Amino acid sequence: MARAATTSDAFNAIAEPQRREILVLLRGGERPVTELARDLGMTQPQASKHLRVLREVGLVRVRGAGKQRLYGLDADGLRPVHEWVGGFERFWSESFDRLDEYVQELKQARQEGPHDGDDQ
């Protein structure tokens, strides 16, 4: 199934890997499109296209600064993504607890040494 050329919500917008890379770069602060394009190895029109999508769904904001337009993260737009991912916190917590228990069992087994019949 072909993907739609545009997107209407944050989840569709971040499904595109290059848009996620833009968001990662913007975590460090506002940046002009020329810097984003350079760091992503894409043309300025390509970067602008991704930024437009991110702006339309509210993940990125833009402001003028002299002759430049600076792009930055819009925390309110990221809230639905954060809340959805946060719903899996209990799953990960329980998974890490089980992994920790398994590691502790392995450590204890090593400290106790080989069992009868295990030393071949």
Protein backbone atom coordinates (compact mmCIF):
# COMPACT_ATOMS: atom_id res chain seq x y z
CA MET A 1 0.00 0.00 0.00
CA ALA A 2 1.48 3.32 -1.04
CA ARG A 3 1.90 5.98 1.63
CA ALA A 4 0.05 9.23 1.32
CA ALA A 5 2.13 12.13 0.03
CA THR A 6 1.07 14.28 2.97
CA THR A 7 0.12 13.56 6.51
CA SER A 8 -2.43 14.86 8.92
CA ASP A 9 -1.16 13.90 12.36
CA ALA A 10 2.04 13.65 14.36
CA PHE A 11 2.24 9.86 14.08
CA ASN A 12 2.15 9.91 10.30
CA ALA A 13 4.65 12.76 10.22
CA ILE A 14 7.22 10.93 12.34
CA ALA A 15 6.79 7.73 10.37
CA GLU A 16 9.18 9.31 7.85
CA PRO A 17 12.78 8.66 9.07
CA GLN A 18 14.17 11.96 7.80
CA ARG A 19 11.51 13.88 9.72
CA ARG A 20 12.53 12.05 12.87
CA GLU A 21 16.14 13.05 12.15
CA ILE A 22 15.05 16.67 11.85
CA LEU A 23 13.33 16.46 15.23
CA VAL A 24 16.47 14.97 16.76
CA LEU A 25 18.57 17.83 15.37
CA LEU A 26 16.08 20.38 16.69
CA ARG A 27 16.38 18.96 20.21
CA GLY A 28 19.56 21.00 20.49
CA GLY A 29 17.76 24.25 19.71
CA GLU A 30 16.49 26.34 16.85
CA ARG A 31 18.21 26.03 13.49
CA PRO A 32 17.80 27.49 9.99
CA VAL A 33 16.80 25.20 7.14
CA THR A 34 20.24 25.56 5.52
CA GLU A 35 21.95 23.97 8.53
CA LEU A 36 19.37 21.23 8.78
CA ALA A 37 19.73 20.42 5.07
CA ARG A 38 23.53 20.35 5.32
CA ASP A 39 23.56 18.09 8.40
CA LEU A 40 21.02 15.73 6.86
CA GLY A 41 22.78 15.59 3.49
CA MET A 42 19.74 16.77 1.58
CA THR A 43 18.86 19.74 -0.55
CA GLN A 44 17.23 22.80 1.00
CA PRO A 45 13.93 22.18 -0.86
CA GLN A 46 13.84 18.62 0.49
CA ALA A 47 14.44 19.84 4.03
CA SER A 48 11.84 22.58 3.58
CA LYS A 49 9.28 20.02 2.42
CA HIS A 50 9.80 17.92 5.55
CA LEU A 51 9.72 21.01 7.77
CA ARG A 52 6.43 22.09 6.19
CA VAL A 53 4.86 18.74 7.08
CA LEU A 54 6.22 18.93 10.63
CA ARG A 55 4.85 22.47 10.97
CA GLU A 56 1.42 21.50 9.65
CA VAL A 57 1.01 18.84 12.33
CA GLY A 58 2.35 21.12 15.07
CA LEU A 59 5.65 19.41 15.80
CA VAL A 60 7.81 22.32 14.65
CA ARG A 61 7.41 26.07 14.91
CA VAL A 62 9.20 28.76 12.94
CA ARG A 63 10.11 32.33 13.69
CA GLY A 64 11.88 35.04 11.76
CA ALA A 65 15.30 36.23 12.93
CA GLY A 66 16.59 38.89 10.57
CA LYS A 67 16.89 37.33 7.15
CA GLN A 68 16.64 33.79 8.53
CA ARG A 69 13.76 31.65 9.56
CA LEU A 70 14.61 29.54 12.58
CA TYR A 71 12.88 26.22 13.17
CA GLY A 72 12.40 24.74 16.61
CA LEU A 73 10.49 21.97 18.35
CA ASP A 74 6.93 22.59 19.47
CA ALA A 75 6.56 20.66 22.70
CA ASP A 76 2.75 20.81 22.63
CA GLY A 77 2.73 19.01 19.29
CA LEU A 78 4.89 16.22 20.69
CA ARG A 79 2.58 15.66 23.67
CA PRO A 80 0.29 13.08 21.96
CA VAL A 81 3.32 11.04 20.88
CA HIS A 82 4.85 11.23 24.36
CA GLU A 83 1.57 10.19 26.02
CA TRP A 84 1.10 7.25 23.65
CA VAL A 85 4.65 5.96 24.13
CA GLY A 86 4.31 6.49 27.88
CA GLY A 87 1.49 3.94 27.87
CA PHE A 88 4.13 1.26 27.28
CA GLU A 89 6.20 2.24 30.30
CA ARG A 90 4.75 -0.53 32.47
CA PHE A 91 5.54 -3.11 29.77
CA TRP A 92 9.18 -2.02 29.59
CA SER A 93 9.50 -1.78 33.34
CA GLU A 94 8.24 -5.34 33.77
CA SER A 95 10.48 -6.58 30.96
CA PHE A 96 13.54 -5.03 32.60
CA ASP A 97 12.53 -6.51 35.96
CA ARG A 98 12.35 -9.99 34.40
CA LEU A 99 15.71 -9.46 32.69
CA ASP A 100 17.24 -8.32 35.97
CA GLU A 101 15.90 -11.43 37.74
CA TYR A 102 17.39 -13.64 35.02
CA VAL A 103 20.80 -11.94 35.31
CA GLN A 104 20.74 -12.39 39.09
CA GLU A 105 19.95 -16.10 38.65
CA LEU A 106 22.89 -16.47 36.24
CA LYS A 107 25.24 -14.70 38.68
CA GLN A 108 24.11 -16.93 41.52
CA ALA A 109 24.57 -20.05 39.39
CA ARG A 110 28.14 -18.99 38.54
CA GLN A 111 28.97 -18.34 42.18
CA GLU A 112 27.69 -21.77 43.17
CA GLY A 113 29.89 -23.43 40.51
CA PRO A 114 29.14 -26.42 38.33
CA HIS A 115 26.56 -28.93 39.50
CA ASP A 116 26.97 -32.72 39.47
CA GLY A 117 27.15 -33.83 35.89
CA ASP A 118 27.79 -30.29 34.60
CA ASP A 119 31.61 -30.53 34.67
CA GLN A 120 32.20 -32.47 31.45
